[in-house]
Structure formats: C-alpha cells, structure tokens
Amino acid sequence: MAQCKKCFAVAVGIAVLCLAGLSASHLASRSSAADAVAMNAAPRVGALAPDFALNDSNGKEWRLSSLRGRKVVVNFLCGCPNCTRLAATLEKIHREQHDIHVLGIMSKHPDAIRSWVRATGVTFPMLFDPFGRVEQQYESNHCPRSFVIDRVGSVVGMSADGASSTMIARTVTDALGQATH
C-alpha cells in the first residue's frame, strides 16, 4: 500500500510538472504571437518602423533595417501625376542630402517601374512590392504616402494617405529637420 501511495505521488508530481510546462509553453507562444503582431503593426510616429525586404527593379535586395544609422524616407508611389510631382522633390533630397536615404516603393511590375524611373529621371532606389504586402503593412491605401525614419529606425514623420505632393514635401522636410537621432 505504501508503494502505491509513493507511485501515485510520483505520477501526480509528473502530471503537475507537465501541466506547468504546457501553461508556460502556452504563455510563451501567446507572447511570441503578440511580438509578431507588434513587429508587423502599422507604423506610427515614435515607434520603430516595420522592417521589410524588397528588391529594386534591377533585382538588388534592400532591407530597411540594414539602413539603420541613416535617415530614411520611404515613399509609396503609383506613378500618378501627384507621385510624379513628388518624385522631383524626393530626387532633390536624394541628390543634395547625402545623409538621407530615399526609397520609393511600387507594386507595379519591374518593367513598369523602370519605365516610370526613365520618364521621371529619379535615381533613388525604386523597390518592387509584388503583392502589395509592404504597402498593406504600412497601411498605405492611396498614393503617394511617405514615412520619415530616423537613424535608430523610429518613425518621426508620416504623410496622410494620398496627400498632395506639396503637403508630403512639407511633412518630409519638417520631419527630416526633427530627425536628429
């Protein structure tokens, strides 16, 4: 009888440890899921910009996190007249302010992007977002839309969805002035 009680106590102990392990595993997976959601959350001023990796129209991969240490202006463009007007301002920033990296993002085919680049004369990297995933991640529903990111990777400014090129240029210029990090 004493032997059975001892075996029963050991079995209960093992069951308790297993349940504790399952609970800890469940909490850890919930925490990991919450972290994943936070990593993919839409950008907001003061928060880290969501990372992405996209290829330019020539096939070179660009990863936002690899640009830490530099100010970055991320622009969602579609090639409309408003985007074309904004491109001139972005090109000026790209050429004159060497401490700032300008990235354009389009969900068009790389051939269409290359054609738009030739037509506008932009020299900053134009990235191909084939399924619009980064555009969705950044909640950029109407073009153009711009995000200014400081040297540590935090969003310091963002334009309204579909704002005029003049308003975006002002937002970008103001935010770059504040992006001292």
C-alpha atoms as a PDB file:
ATOM      1  CA  MET A   1       0.000   0.000   0.000  1.00  0.00           C
ATOM      2  CA  ALA A   2       2.835   2.414   0.836  1.00  0.00           C
ATOM      3  CA  GLN A   3       4.416   1.549  -2.517  1.00  0.00           C
ATOM      4  CA  CYS A   4       1.159   2.503  -4.344  1.00  0.00           C
ATOM      5  CA  LYS A   5       0.957   5.803  -2.480  1.00  0.00           C
ATOM      6  CA  LYS A   6       4.538   6.579  -3.471  1.00  0.00           C
ATOM      7  CA  CYS A   7       3.849   5.739  -7.147  1.00  0.00           C
ATOM      8  CA  PHE A   8       0.651   7.795  -7.038  1.00  0.00           C
ATOM      9  CA  ALA A   9       2.552  10.781  -5.580  1.00  0.00           C
ATOM     10  CA  VAL A  10       5.213  10.489  -8.286  1.00  0.00           C
ATOM     11  CA  ALA A  11       2.522  10.297 -11.004  1.00  0.00           C
ATOM     12  CA  VAL A  12       0.736  13.365  -9.578  1.00  0.00           C
ATOM     13  CA  GLY A  13       4.050  15.222  -9.446  1.00  0.00           C
ATOM     14  CA  ILE A  14       4.793  14.369 -13.081  1.00  0.00           C
ATOM     15  CA  ALA A  15       1.283  15.438 -14.110  1.00  0.00           C
ATOM     16  CA  VAL A  16       1.688  18.773 -12.284  1.00  0.00           C
ATOM     17  CA  LEU A  17       5.048  19.390 -13.982  1.00  0.00           C
ATOM     18  CA  CYS A  18       3.557  18.538 -17.387  1.00  0.00           C
ATOM     19  CA  LEU A  19       0.652  20.933 -16.824  1.00  0.00           C
ATOM     20  CA  ALA A  20       3.023  23.661 -15.665  1.00  0.00           C
ATOM     21  CA  GLY A  21       5.133  23.111 -18.786  1.00  0.00           C
ATOM     22  CA  LEU A  22       2.076  23.324 -21.034  1.00  0.00           C
ATOM     23  CA  SER A  23       0.958  26.530 -19.330  1.00  0.00           C
ATOM     24  CA  ALA A  24       4.399  28.089 -19.709  1.00  0.00           C
ATOM     25  CA  SER A  25       4.536  26.995 -23.351  1.00  0.00           C
ATOM     26  CA  HIS A  26       1.083  28.493 -23.983  1.00  0.00           C
ATOM     27  CA  LEU A  27       2.088  31.787 -22.371  1.00  0.00           C
ATOM     28  CA  ALA A  28       5.321  31.871 -24.347  1.00  0.00           C
ATOM     29  CA  SER A  29       3.511  31.226 -27.622  1.00  0.00           C
ATOM     30  CA  ARG A  30       0.982  33.963 -26.808  1.00  0.00           C
ATOM     31  CA  SER A  31       3.876  36.319 -26.062  1.00  0.00           C
ATOM     32  CA  SER A  32       5.608  35.345 -29.321  1.00  0.00           C
ATOM     33  CA  ALA A  33       2.380  35.890 -31.241  1.00  0.00           C
ATOM     34  CA  ALA A  34       1.958  39.306 -29.621  1.00  0.00           C
ATOM     35  CA  ASP A  35       5.562  40.176 -30.502  1.00  0.00           C
ATOM     36  CA  ALA A  36       4.971  39.088 -34.107  1.00  0.00           C
ATOM     37  CA  VAL A  37       1.860  41.242 -34.325  1.00  0.00           C
ATOM     38  CA  ALA A  38       3.766  44.197 -32.872  1.00  0.00           C
ATOM     39  CA  MET A  39       6.564  43.675 -35.419  1.00  0.00           C
ATOM     40  CA  ASN A  40       4.002  43.759 -38.238  1.00  0.00           C
ATOM     41  CA  ALA A  41       1.950  46.619 -36.807  1.00  0.00           C
ATOM     42  CA  ALA A  42       1.367  49.675 -38.940  1.00  0.00           C
ATOM     43  CA  PRO A  43       3.920  52.421 -38.370  1.00  0.00           C
ATOM     44  CA  ARG A  44       3.174  55.272 -36.037  1.00  0.00           C
ATOM     45  CA  VAL A  45       5.243  58.279 -35.053  1.00  0.00           C
ATOM     46  CA  GLY A  46       7.595  57.392 -32.198  1.00  0.00           C
ATOM     47  CA  ALA A  47       7.554  53.636 -32.893  1.00  0.00           C
ATOM     48  CA  LEU A  48      10.095  51.547 -34.777  1.00  0.00           C
ATOM     49  CA  ALA A  49       9.287  51.348 -38.470  1.00  0.00           C
ATOM     50  CA  PRO A  50       8.255  47.850 -39.570  1.00  0.00           C
ATOM     51  CA  ASP A  51      11.135  46.122 -41.316  1.00  0.00           C
ATOM     52  CA  PHE A  52      10.818  44.873 -44.874  1.00  0.00           C
ATOM     53  CA  ALA A  53      12.996  43.430 -47.609  1.00  0.00           C
ATOM     54  CA  LEU A  54      12.200  44.205 -51.239  1.00  0.00           C
ATOM     55  CA  ASN A  55      14.104  44.065 -54.499  1.00  0.00           C
ATOM     56  CA  ASP A  56      14.642  47.064 -56.703  1.00  0.00           C
ATOM     57  CA  SER A  57      13.747  46.968 -60.384  1.00  0.00           C
ATOM     58  CA  ASN A  58      17.232  45.570 -61.107  1.00  0.00           C
ATOM     59  CA  GLY A  59      16.905  42.689 -58.628  1.00  0.00           C
ATOM     60  CA  LYS A  60      19.033  44.075 -55.763  1.00  0.00           C
ATOM     61  CA  GLU A  61      17.539  43.404 -52.321  1.00  0.00           C
ATOM     62  CA  TRP A  62      17.020  46.324 -49.946  1.00  0.00           C
ATOM     63  CA  ARG A  63      16.242  45.727 -46.254  1.00  0.00           C
ATOM     64  CA  LEU A  64      15.049  48.696 -44.212  1.00  0.00           C
ATOM     65  CA  SER A  65      16.854  47.512 -41.056  1.00  0.00           C
ATOM     66  CA  SER A  66      20.175  47.483 -42.951  1.00  0.00           C
ATOM     67  CA  LEU A  67      19.848  51.272 -43.308  1.00  0.00           C
ATOM     68  CA  ARG A  68      19.902  51.897 -39.525  1.00  0.00           C
ATOM     69  CA  GLY A  69      22.308  54.683 -38.760  1.00  0.00           C
ATOM     70  CA  ARG A  70      20.948  56.757 -41.643  1.00  0.00           C
ATOM     71  CA  LYS A  71      17.811  58.838 -42.016  1.00  0.00           C
ATOM     72  CA  VAL A  72      15.421  57.179 -44.467  1.00  0.00           C
ATOM     73  CA  VAL A  73      12.426  58.457 -46.394  1.00  0.00           C
ATOM     74  CA  VAL A  74      10.149  55.588 -47.514  1.00  0.00           C
ATOM     75  CA  ASN A  75       7.684  56.553 -50.245  1.00  0.00           C
ATOM     76  CA  PHE A  76       4.759  54.558 -51.600  1.00  0.00           C
ATOM     77  CA  LEU A  77       4.239  55.668 -55.177  1.00  0.00           C
ATOM     78  CA  CYS A  78       1.988  54.541 -58.025  1.00  0.00           C
ATOM     79  CA  GLY A  79       3.129  56.683 -60.936  1.00  0.00           C
ATOM     80  CA  CYS A  80       0.130  59.045 -60.880  1.00  0.00           C
ATOM     81  CA  PRO A  81       0.648  62.788 -61.588  1.00  0.00           C
ATOM     82  CA  ASN A  82       0.817  63.531 -57.843  1.00  0.00           C
ATOM     83  CA  CYS A  83       3.553  60.875 -57.421  1.00  0.00           C
ATOM     84  CA  THR A  84       5.420  62.261 -60.417  1.00  0.00           C
ATOM     85  CA  ARG A  85       5.392  65.769 -58.895  1.00  0.00           C
ATOM     86  CA  LEU A  86       6.576  64.368 -55.553  1.00  0.00           C
ATOM     87  CA  ALA A  87       9.365  62.446 -57.283  1.00  0.00           C
ATOM     88  CA  ALA A  88      11.091  65.720 -58.197  1.00  0.00           C
ATOM     89  CA  THR A  89      11.185  66.763 -54.525  1.00  0.00           C
ATOM     90  CA  LEU A  90      12.378  63.335 -53.409  1.00  0.00           C
ATOM     91  CA  GLU A  91      15.051  63.349 -56.094  1.00  0.00           C
ATOM     92  CA  LYS A  92      16.296  66.720 -54.858  1.00  0.00           C
ATOM     93  CA  ILE A  93      16.535  65.350 -51.289  1.00  0.00           C
ATOM     94  CA  HIS A  94      18.309  62.244 -52.618  1.00  0.00           C
ATOM     95  CA  ARG A  95      20.889  64.248 -54.584  1.00  0.00           C
ATOM     96  CA  GLU A  96      21.525  67.075 -52.121  1.00  0.00           C
ATOM     97  CA  GLN A  97      21.295  65.470 -48.685  1.00  0.00           C
ATOM     98  CA  HIS A  98      23.736  62.579 -48.659  1.00  0.00           C
ATOM     99  CA  ASP A  99      22.955  61.595 -45.061  1.00  0.00           C
ATOM    100  CA  ILE A 100      19.381  60.712 -46.119  1.00  0.00           C
ATOM    101  CA  HIS A 101      18.413  57.574 -47.984  1.00  0.00           C
ATOM    102  CA  VAL A 102      15.296  57.840 -50.175  1.00  0.00           C
ATOM    103  CA  LEU A 103      13.405  54.659 -51.123  1.00  0.00           C
ATOM    104  CA  GLY A 104      10.448  54.503 -53.487  1.00  0.00           C
ATOM    105  CA  ILE A 105       8.086  51.522 -53.370  1.00  0.00           C
ATOM    106  CA  MET A 106       5.678  50.477 -56.116  1.00  0.00           C
ATOM    107  CA  SER A 107       3.576  47.371 -56.518  1.00  0.00           C
ATOM    108  CA  LYS A 108       3.825  47.585 -60.309  1.00  0.00           C
ATOM    109  CA  HIS A 109       5.804  45.156 -62.461  1.00  0.00           C
ATOM    110  CA  PRO A 110       9.555  45.914 -62.545  1.00  0.00           C
ATOM    111  CA  ASP A 111       9.316  46.856 -66.255  1.00  0.00           C
ATOM    112  CA  ALA A 112       6.655  49.473 -65.414  1.00  0.00           C
ATOM    113  CA  ILE A 113       8.835  50.763 -62.579  1.00  0.00           C
ATOM    114  CA  ARG A 114      11.863  51.049 -64.889  1.00  0.00           C
ATOM    115  CA  SER A 115       9.719  52.908 -67.416  1.00  0.00           C
ATOM    116  CA  TRP A 116       8.482  55.355 -64.741  1.00  0.00           C
ATOM    117  CA  VAL A 117      12.044  55.845 -63.482  1.00  0.00           C
ATOM    118  CA  ARG A 118      13.216  56.707 -67.014  1.00  0.00           C
ATOM    119  CA  ALA A 119      10.284  59.100 -67.517  1.00  0.00           C
ATOM    120  CA  THR A 120      10.832  60.930 -64.213  1.00  0.00           C
ATOM    121  CA  GLY A 121      14.627  60.751 -64.114  1.00  0.00           C
ATOM    122  CA  VAL A 122      14.734  59.597 -60.483  1.00  0.00           C
ATOM    123  CA  THR A 123      17.965  57.996 -59.318  1.00  0.00           C
ATOM    124  CA  PHE A 124      16.900  56.863 -55.846  1.00  0.00           C
ATOM    125  CA  PRO A 125      16.122  53.138 -55.470  1.00  0.00           C
ATOM    126  CA  MET A 126      12.650  52.092 -56.615  1.00  0.00           C
ATOM    127  CA  LEU A 127      11.577  48.875 -54.907  1.00  0.00           C
ATOM    128  CA  PHE A 128       9.134  46.293 -56.223  1.00  0.00           C
ATOM    129  CA  ASP A 129       6.371  45.217 -53.798  1.00  0.00           C
ATOM    130  CA  PRO A 130       4.867  42.452 -55.962  1.00  0.00           C
ATOM    131  CA  PHE A 131       1.836  41.624 -53.840  1.00  0.00           C
ATOM    132  CA  GLY A 132       1.484  44.951 -52.045  1.00  0.00           C
ATOM    133  CA  ARG A 133       2.372  43.355 -48.693  1.00  0.00           C
ATOM    134  CA  VAL A 134       4.630  46.167 -47.505  1.00  0.00           C
ATOM    135  CA  GLU A 135       2.090  48.696 -48.747  1.00  0.00           C
ATOM    136  CA  GLN A 136      -0.558  46.901 -46.646  1.00  0.00           C
ATOM    137  CA  GLN A 137       1.803  46.629 -43.665  1.00  0.00           C
ATOM    138  CA  TYR A 138       2.332  50.388 -43.809  1.00  0.00           C
ATOM    139  CA  GLU A 139      -1.397  50.952 -44.359  1.00  0.00           C
ATOM    140  CA  SER A 140      -0.689  52.977 -47.447  1.00  0.00           C
ATOM    141  CA  ASN A 141      -4.063  52.804 -49.156  1.00  0.00           C
ATOM    142  CA  HIS A 142      -3.680  55.762 -51.504  1.00  0.00           C
ATOM    143  CA  CYS A 143      -0.558  57.045 -53.165  1.00  0.00           C
ATOM    144  CA  PRO A 144       1.584  58.870 -52.604  1.00  0.00           C
ATOM    145  CA  ARG A 145       2.443  58.326 -48.946  1.00  0.00           C
ATOM    146  CA  SER A 146       5.755  58.969 -47.203  1.00  0.00           C
ATOM    147  CA  PHE A 147       7.351  57.923 -43.915  1.00  0.00           C
ATOM    148  CA  VAL A 148      10.426  59.560 -42.416  1.00  0.00           C
ATOM    149  CA  ILE A 149      12.599  57.293 -40.290  1.00  0.00           C
ATOM    150  CA  ASP A 150      15.427  58.464 -38.033  1.00  0.00           C
ATOM    151  CA  ARG A 151      18.849  56.865 -37.568  1.00  0.00           C
ATOM    152  CA  VAL A 152      17.628  54.440 -34.891  1.00  0.00           C
ATOM    153  CA  GLY A 153      14.748  53.213 -37.058  1.00  0.00           C
ATOM    154  CA  SER A 154      11.875  55.148 -35.460  1.00  0.00           C
ATOM    155  CA  VAL A 155       9.174  56.869 -37.488  1.00  0.00           C
ATOM    156  CA  VAL A 156       9.486  60.635 -36.936  1.00  0.00           C
ATOM    157  CA  GLY A 157       7.014  61.765 -39.567  1.00  0.00           C
ATOM    158  CA  MET A 158       4.438  60.445 -41.972  1.00  0.00           C
ATOM    159  CA  SER A 159       2.162  61.983 -44.529  1.00  0.00           C
ATOM    160  CA  ALA A 160      -1.564  61.489 -44.768  1.00  0.00           C
ATOM    161  CA  ASP A 161      -2.699  58.817 -47.192  1.00  0.00           C
ATOM    162  CA  GLY A 162      -2.996  60.334 -50.665  1.00  0.00           C
ATOM    163  CA  ALA A 163      -1.870  63.814 -49.592  1.00  0.00           C
ATOM    164  CA  SER A 164      -0.775  66.290 -52.226  1.00  0.00           C
ATOM    165  CA  SER A 165       2.871  66.262 -53.261  1.00  0.00           C
ATOM    166  CA  THR A 166       3.238  69.742 -51.701  1.00  0.00           C
ATOM    167  CA  MET A 167       1.905  68.576 -48.324  1.00  0.00           C
ATOM    168  CA  ILE A 168       4.098  65.472 -48.387  1.00  0.00           C
ATOM    169  CA  ALA A 169       7.176  67.520 -49.272  1.00  0.00           C
ATOM    170  CA  ARG A 170       6.469  69.798 -46.290  1.00  0.00           C
ATOM    171  CA  THR A 171       5.902  66.794 -43.978  1.00  0.00           C
ATOM    172  CA  VAL A 172       9.141  65.141 -45.126  1.00  0.00           C
ATOM    173  CA  THR A 173      11.181  68.343 -44.815  1.00  0.00           C
ATOM    174  CA  ASP A 174       9.793  69.106 -41.340  1.00  0.00           C
ATOM    175  CA  ALA A 175      10.355  65.544 -40.106  1.00  0.00           C
ATOM    176  CA  LEU A 176      13.895  65.412 -41.504  1.00  0.00           C
ATOM    177  CA  GLY A 177      14.664  68.567 -39.555  1.00  0.00           C
ATOM    178  CA  GLN A 178      13.467  66.814 -36.385  1.00  0.00           C
ATOM    179  CA  ALA A 179      15.264  63.530 -37.137  1.00  0.00           C
ATOM    180  CA  THR A 180      18.414  64.392 -35.239  1.00  0.00           C
ATOM    181  CA  HIS A 181      19.000  60.867 -33.940  1.00  0.00           C
END
